[in-house]
């Protein structure tokens, strides 16, 4: 599964990441908060949550709005 990290600037393209890389980071650190771009589908984000929960992690997922427009949000995934 390929996901997009949240962009740092509005006009730049989001960076791609594979599910395996996310799992590797969590094995190293044990706990981490990831921010994902709004261009990811909600279905893919739920698949990520399910995959991390299958690994025995507790996962908290939410949409974070950073502006008033409908397209000004990102996804936050906190895995412990």
C-alpha atoms as a PDB file:
ATOM      1  CA  UNK A   1       0.000   0.000   0.000  1.00  0.00           C
ATOM      2  CA  UNK A   2       1.310   3.429  -0.924  1.00  0.00           C
ATOM      3  CA  UNK A   3       0.276   6.539   1.030  1.00  0.00           C
ATOM      4  CA  UNK A   4       1.114  10.234   0.819  1.00  0.00           C
ATOM      5  CA  UNK A   5       2.657  12.149   3.727  1.00  0.00           C
ATOM      6  CA  UNK A   6       1.244  15.604   4.417  1.00  0.00           C
ATOM      7  CA  UNK A   7       2.867  18.381   2.423  1.00  0.00           C
ATOM      8  CA  UNK A   8       4.874  21.111   4.139  1.00  0.00           C
ATOM      9  CA  UNK A   9       3.899  23.775   1.598  1.00  0.00           C
ATOM     10  CA  UNK A  10       0.570  24.078  -0.201  1.00  0.00           C
ATOM     11  CA  UNK A  11       2.141  24.143  -3.673  1.00  0.00           C
ATOM     12  CA  UNK A  12       4.526  21.187  -3.289  1.00  0.00           C
ATOM     13  CA  UNK A  13       3.729  17.571  -4.053  1.00  0.00           C
ATOM     14  CA  UNK A  14       3.250  15.140  -1.146  1.00  0.00           C
ATOM     15  CA  UNK A  15       5.930  12.493  -0.571  1.00  0.00           C
ATOM     16  CA  UNK A  16       5.005   8.846  -1.060  1.00  0.00           C
ATOM     17  CA  UNK A  17       5.601   6.170   1.559  1.00  0.00           C
ATOM     18  CA  UNK A  18       5.027   2.430   1.641  1.00  0.00           C
ATOM     19  CA  UNK A  19       3.240   0.657   4.489  1.00  0.00           C
ATOM     20  CA  UNK A  20       6.384  -1.372   5.226  1.00  0.00           C
ATOM     21  CA  UNK A  21       8.389   1.829   5.911  1.00  0.00           C
ATOM     22  CA  UNK A  22       5.745   2.996   8.379  1.00  0.00           C
ATOM     23  CA  UNK A  23       5.882  -0.350  10.192  1.00  0.00           C
ATOM     24  CA  UNK A  24       9.710  -0.193  10.312  1.00  0.00           C
ATOM     25  CA  UNK A  25       9.625   3.266  11.902  1.00  0.00           C
ATOM     26  CA  UNK A  26       7.153   2.079  14.502  1.00  0.00           C
ATOM     27  CA  UNK A  27       9.322  -0.934  15.365  1.00  0.00           C
ATOM     28  CA  UNK A  28      12.298   1.383  15.928  1.00  0.00           C
ATOM     29  CA  UNK A  29      10.506   4.058  17.934  1.00  0.00           C
ATOM     30  CA  UNK A  30       7.517   2.199  19.353  1.00  0.00           C
ATOM     31  CA  UNK A  31       5.247   5.246  19.201  1.00  0.00           C
ATOM     32  CA  UNK A  32       4.841   7.873  16.508  1.00  0.00           C
ATOM     33  CA  UNK A  33       2.417  10.412  15.089  1.00  0.00           C
ATOM     34  CA  UNK A  34       2.116  10.498  11.302  1.00  0.00           C
ATOM     35  CA  UNK A  35       0.425  13.178   9.211  1.00  0.00           C
ATOM     36  CA  UNK A  36      -0.979  12.171   5.846  1.00  0.00           C
ATOM     37  CA  UNK A  37      -2.133  14.272   2.904  1.00  0.00           C
ATOM     38  CA  UNK A  38      -5.785  14.893   2.082  1.00  0.00           C
ATOM     39  CA  UNK A  39      -5.229  13.242  -1.330  1.00  0.00           C
ATOM     40  CA  UNK A  40      -5.238   9.827   0.370  1.00  0.00           C
ATOM     41  CA  UNK A  41      -8.622   8.168   0.206  1.00  0.00           C
ATOM     42  CA  UNK A  42     -10.482   7.565   3.442  1.00  0.00           C
ATOM     43  CA  UNK A  43     -10.624   3.879   2.495  1.00  0.00           C
ATOM     44  CA  UNK A  44      -6.792   3.719   2.288  1.00  0.00           C
ATOM     45  CA  UNK A  45      -6.494   5.439   5.662  1.00  0.00           C
ATOM     46  CA  UNK A  46      -8.853   2.913   7.248  1.00  0.00           C
ATOM     47  CA  UNK A  47      -6.808   0.107   5.656  1.00  0.00           C
ATOM     48  CA  UNK A  48      -3.686   1.618   7.276  1.00  0.00           C
ATOM     49  CA  UNK A  49      -5.402   1.724  10.674  1.00  0.00           C
ATOM     50  CA  UNK A  50      -6.516  -1.908  10.292  1.00  0.00           C
ATOM     51  CA  UNK A  51      -3.017  -3.014   9.208  1.00  0.00           C
ATOM     52  CA  UNK A  52      -1.396  -1.334  12.215  1.00  0.00           C
ATOM     53  CA  UNK A  53      -3.995  -2.743  14.608  1.00  0.00           C
ATOM     54  CA  UNK A  54      -3.309  -6.217  13.168  1.00  0.00           C
ATOM     55  CA  UNK A  55       0.326  -5.669  14.242  1.00  0.00           C
ATOM     56  CA  UNK A  56      -0.926  -5.267  17.833  1.00  0.00           C
ATOM     57  CA  UNK A  57      -0.694  -1.468  17.972  1.00  0.00           C
ATOM     58  CA  UNK A  58      -3.252   0.950  19.372  1.00  0.00           C
ATOM     59  CA  UNK A  59      -4.110   3.463  16.666  1.00  0.00           C
ATOM     60  CA  UNK A  60      -5.894   6.799  16.973  1.00  0.00           C
ATOM     61  CA  UNK A  61      -7.090   8.362  13.730  1.00  0.00           C
ATOM     62  CA  UNK A  62      -8.626  11.770  13.043  1.00  0.00           C
ATOM     63  CA  UNK A  63      -8.964  14.494  10.440  1.00  0.00           C
ATOM     64  CA  UNK A  64      -7.176  17.718  11.367  1.00  0.00           C
ATOM     65  CA  UNK A  65      -8.580  20.940   9.874  1.00  0.00           C
ATOM     66  CA  UNK A  66      -6.044  23.759   9.542  1.00  0.00           C
ATOM     67  CA  UNK A  67      -8.226  26.276   7.721  1.00  0.00           C
ATOM     68  CA  UNK A  68     -11.813  27.218   6.988  1.00  0.00           C
ATOM     69  CA  UNK A  69     -12.046  25.784   3.466  1.00  0.00           C
ATOM     70  CA  UNK A  70     -13.323  22.233   2.957  1.00  0.00           C
ATOM     71  CA  UNK A  71     -10.044  21.072   1.352  1.00  0.00           C
ATOM     72  CA  UNK A  72      -7.851  22.380   4.201  1.00  0.00           C
ATOM     73  CA  UNK A  73      -7.386  19.242   6.257  1.00  0.00           C
ATOM     74  CA  UNK A  74      -4.986  16.357   6.750  1.00  0.00           C
ATOM     75  CA  UNK A  75      -5.149  12.983   8.429  1.00  0.00           C
ATOM     76  CA  UNK A  76      -3.427  12.300  11.739  1.00  0.00           C
ATOM     77  CA  UNK A  77      -2.526   8.752  12.770  1.00  0.00           C
ATOM     78  CA  UNK A  78      -1.097   8.227  16.252  1.00  0.00           C
ATOM     79  CA  UNK A  79       0.213   4.683  16.696  1.00  0.00           C
ATOM     80  CA  UNK A  80       1.357   3.278  20.056  1.00  0.00           C
END
